[in-house]
C-alpha cells in the first residue's frame, strides 16, 4: 500500500498483510522527494503515483512517482517522474538515489510527472510508462502539453527535447496553445480484448 503526503513530499509504503489502523510511524518504508520542504520545494504532486506493473520483468511490481515541480540543472519546474523498482524488501530513501529511471521535462514549467501511468501497450512482458508534461511547449503553441510513452524496460534518464520525445519512447503532443495535454493520463487496460493495453 502506498500513501502520499503531498505537504511532506513523502510516499509511505506499507507491507502486506495489513490490519488495523495505519500511521506514518508504522510505515514499512518511505520515499521522499529530492529535497523535502513543507514550503513546496520540489513536492511530489498530489495524484502522481502509479503501481501494479513490472517494468523490468523481474517478478516484482514497480512504482512511478511524479514530481512535477522538480528543478533540474538551471531549470525551474521542468518536472520529473521516477521509476522505483520493487524488490524483496520495500525500497526506501530519497527518490534521486533510489530510482533506477527518470523522465525529465525540457524547459521551465513543463511539469513533467504531473500525471503518470503504466501498462503493457506493445505486447511484450515489460510494462510501459506514460508521463504527462502539461506545460510543454509544442512549436508556437505555448503550454500545449505532451505525454511521453517510455517502452519498458526503462533505465537511466529520458529527457524531452524541443522537437521530439526521448530515444526509446513515443508519445503525443498537443496542438493548441494552453491545451495542457498530459494534465491527466492513464494506460487503462485492454478495452478492446486484443491482449494489448490501451
Protein backbone atom coordinates (compact mmCIF):
# COMPACT_ATOMS: atom_id res chain seq x y z
CA UNK A 1 0.00 0.00 0.00
CA UNK A 2 1.37 3.44 -0.98
CA UNK A 3 0.02 6.61 0.68
CA UNK A 4 1.22 10.08 -0.31
CA UNK A 5 1.57 13.13 1.92
CA UNK A 6 1.86 15.95 -0.62
CA UNK A 7 2.74 18.50 2.05
CA UNK A 8 5.60 16.37 3.38
CA UNK A 9 6.62 15.22 -0.13
CA UNK A 10 6.78 11.64 1.10
CA UNK A 11 5.25 8.35 -0.01
CA UNK A 12 4.62 5.96 2.87
CA UNK A 13 4.80 2.27 1.94
CA UNK A 14 3.03 -0.39 3.99
CA UNK A 15 3.92 -4.06 3.51
CA UNK A 16 1.05 -6.58 3.50
CA UNK A 17 -0.58 -8.34 5.20
CA UNK A 18 -2.21 -5.33 6.83
CA UNK A 19 -4.76 -4.97 9.58
CA UNK A 20 -5.96 -2.27 11.96
CA UNK A 21 -5.01 1.40 11.85
CA UNK A 22 -2.06 2.59 9.79
CA UNK A 23 0.11 5.54 10.78
CA UNK A 24 3.21 7.25 9.43
CA UNK A 25 5.18 5.62 12.23
CA UNK A 26 4.02 2.15 11.19
CA UNK A 27 5.11 2.55 7.55
CA UNK A 28 7.46 -0.18 6.35
CA UNK A 29 9.39 2.24 4.13
CA UNK A 30 9.29 5.80 2.81
CA UNK A 31 10.18 7.52 -0.46
CA UNK A 32 10.89 11.23 -0.19
CA UNK A 33 11.29 13.97 -2.78
CA UNK A 34 14.68 15.19 -3.90
CA UNK A 35 14.57 17.92 -1.29
CA UNK A 36 11.78 17.75 1.24
CA UNK A 37 10.27 21.07 2.24
CA UNK A 38 6.85 21.93 3.62
CA UNK A 39 7.15 25.22 1.74
CA UNK A 40 6.70 23.34 -1.52
CA UNK A 41 10.23 22.82 -2.83
CA UNK A 42 10.05 20.01 -5.41
CA UNK A 43 6.98 18.32 -3.94
CA UNK A 44 5.53 15.04 -5.07
CA UNK A 45 2.35 16.04 -6.87
CA UNK A 46 -0.95 15.10 -5.34
CA UNK A 47 -2.08 12.36 -7.74
CA UNK A 48 1.18 11.20 -9.29
CA UNK A 49 1.59 7.58 -8.29
CA UNK A 50 1.26 4.51 -10.49
CA UNK A 51 1.91 0.95 -9.43
CA UNK A 52 0.88 -2.65 -10.10
CA UNK A 53 3.19 -3.15 -13.09
CA UNK A 54 6.55 -4.80 -13.72
CA UNK A 55 8.71 -2.58 -15.90
CA UNK A 56 11.76 -4.85 -15.97
CA UNK A 57 10.05 -8.28 -15.80
CA UNK A 58 11.88 -9.41 -12.67
CA UNK A 59 8.77 -10.64 -10.86
CA UNK A 60 8.47 -7.58 -8.59
CA UNK A 61 5.94 -4.80 -9.21
CA UNK A 62 7.39 -1.32 -9.63
CA UNK A 63 6.27 2.22 -8.76
CA UNK A 64 6.31 5.56 -10.60
CA UNK A 65 6.40 8.77 -8.57
CA UNK A 66 5.86 12.15 -10.24
CA UNK A 67 7.48 15.37 -9.01
CA UNK A 68 6.10 17.99 -11.38
CA UNK A 69 7.91 20.87 -9.64
CA UNK A 70 11.31 19.18 -9.79
CA UNK A 71 14.12 21.55 -10.80
CA UNK A 72 16.87 20.02 -12.90
CA UNK A 73 20.12 21.83 -13.64
CA UNK A 74 19.47 25.52 -14.43
CA UNK A 75 15.72 24.92 -14.85
CA UNK A 76 12.62 25.57 -12.76
CA UNK A 77 9.62 23.25 -12.60
CA UNK A 78 10.62 21.25 -15.67
CA UNK A 79 9.43 18.27 -13.64
CA UNK A 80 10.39 14.63 -13.39
CA UNK A 81 8.98 11.16 -12.95
CA UNK A 82 10.95 8.49 -11.15
CA UNK A 83 10.78 4.70 -11.56
CA UNK A 84 11.39 2.80 -8.34
CA UNK A 85 12.00 -0.94 -8.68
CA UNK A 86 10.28 -3.42 -6.44
CA UNK A 87 12.43 -5.93 -4.60
CA UNK A 88 12.25 -8.48 -1.78
CA UNK A 89 12.40 -5.67 0.81
CA UNK A 90 10.47 -2.46 0.18
CA UNK A 91 12.59 0.31 -1.37
CA UNK A 92 13.21 3.28 0.88
CA UNK A 93 15.06 6.58 0.65
CA UNK A 94 15.32 9.73 -1.45
CA UNK A 95 13.90 9.31 -4.95
CA UNK A 96 17.01 10.62 -6.70
CA UNK A 97 19.03 7.87 -5.01
CA UNK A 98 16.52 5.01 -5.08
CA UNK A 99 15.09 5.42 -8.61
CA UNK A 100 16.58 3.44 -11.49
CA UNK A 101 15.00 5.51 -14.28
CA UNK A 102 13.90 9.13 -14.66
CA UNK A 103 11.91 11.11 -17.24
CA UNK A 104 12.53 14.88 -17.13
CA UNK A 105 10.98 17.87 -18.86
CA UNK A 106 12.71 20.02 -21.44
CA UNK A 107 12.10 23.58 -20.29
CA UNK A 108 10.92 25.69 -17.37
CA UNK A 109 7.36 24.88 -16.29
CA UNK A 110 6.97 21.74 -18.43
CA UNK A 111 5.70 20.00 -15.27
CA UNK A 112 6.74 16.53 -16.40
CA UNK A 113 5.37 13.95 -13.98
CA UNK A 114 2.06 15.79 -13.39
CA UNK A 115 0.41 12.54 -14.50
CA UNK A 116 1.88 9.04 -14.59
CA UNK A 117 0.61 5.66 -15.70
CA UNK A 118 1.79 2.21 -16.69
CA UNK A 119 0.64 -0.82 -18.66
CA UNK A 120 1.54 -3.24 -21.43
CA UNK A 121 0.91 -1.48 -24.75
CA UNK A 122 3.34 -3.22 -27.11
CA UNK A 123 2.72 -6.87 -26.27
CA UNK A 124 5.99 -7.79 -24.59
CA UNK A 125 6.48 -8.70 -20.94
CA UNK A 126 7.85 -5.30 -19.90
CA UNK A 127 5.42 -2.68 -18.64
CA UNK A 128 5.48 0.66 -20.45
CA UNK A 129 5.27 4.07 -18.79
CA UNK A 130 3.18 7.15 -19.57
CA UNK A 131 4.48 10.51 -18.30
CA UNK A 132 2.45 13.70 -18.75
CA UNK A 133 4.01 17.16 -19.15
CA UNK A 134 1.11 19.63 -19.50
CA UNK A 135 3.33 22.73 -19.61
CA UNK A 136 5.39 21.51 -22.57
CA UNK A 137 5.55 24.00 -25.49
CA UNK A 138 4.94 22.48 -28.93
CA UNK A 139 6.33 24.70 -31.69
CA UNK A 140 4.44 28.01 -31.43
CA UNK A 141 1.83 26.54 -29.07
CA UNK A 142 2.70 27.58 -25.51
CA UNK A 143 1.62 25.06 -22.87
CA UNK A 144 0.19 22.74 -25.49
CA UNK A 145 1.32 19.83 -23.33
CA UNK A 146 2.64 16.38 -24.10
CA UNK A 147 2.85 12.85 -22.87
CA UNK A 148 5.89 10.60 -23.25
CA UNK A 149 5.38 6.85 -23.63
CA UNK A 150 8.54 5.10 -22.42
CA UNK A 151 8.71 1.48 -23.53
CA UNK A 152 9.95 -0.96 -20.92
CA UNK A 153 12.38 -1.79 -19.58
CA UNK A 154 13.30 1.80 -18.65
CA UNK A 155 16.78 2.58 -17.35
CA UNK A 156 18.71 5.82 -16.94
CA UNK A 157 17.43 9.29 -17.81
CA UNK A 158 14.99 10.19 -20.57
CA UNK A 159 14.69 13.89 -21.37
CA UNK A 160 12.08 15.62 -23.51
CA UNK A 161 13.58 17.77 -26.26
CA UNK A 162 12.28 20.84 -28.06
CA UNK A 163 11.09 18.83 -31.05
CA UNK A 164 10.79 15.19 -30.08
CA UNK A 165 10.37 12.60 -27.39
CA UNK A 166 13.40 10.84 -25.91
CA UNK A 167 15.03 7.96 -27.76
CA UNK A 168 13.26 4.70 -26.97
CA UNK A 169 9.94 6.43 -26.42
CA UNK A 170 6.84 7.56 -28.25
CA UNK A 171 4.04 9.81 -27.17
CA UNK A 172 1.59 12.53 -28.06
CA UNK A 173 1.75 16.31 -28.19
CA UNK A 174 -0.89 18.98 -28.03
CA UNK A 175 -1.69 21.25 -30.97
CA UNK A 176 -3.48 24.07 -29.16
CA UNK A 177 -1.97 26.81 -27.02
CA UNK A 178 -2.78 26.25 -23.33
CA UNK A 179 -4.31 22.89 -24.20
CA UNK A 180 -2.27 21.28 -21.37
CA UNK A 181 -2.31 17.78 -22.85
CA UNK A 182 -0.90 15.39 -20.26
CA UNK A 183 -2.60 17.01 -17.28
CA UNK A 184 -4.04 13.58 -16.64
CA UNK A 185 -3.38 10.30 -18.38
CA UNK A 186 -3.62 6.58 -17.85
CA UNK A 187 -2.96 3.29 -19.55
CA UNK A 188 -6.45 1.99 -18.95
CA UNK A 189 -6.19 -1.73 -19.67
CA UNK A 190 -7.34 -3.88 -22.57
CA UNK A 191 -10.55 -2.14 -23.64
CA UNK A 192 -10.97 -3.97 -26.95
CA UNK A 193 -9.91 -7.52 -25.99
CA UNK A 194 -6.88 -7.74 -28.28
CA UNK A 195 -4.45 -8.53 -25.40
CA UNK A 196 -2.79 -5.11 -25.61
CA UNK A 197 -3.43 -2.41 -23.01
CA UNK A 198 -5.00 0.80 -24.35
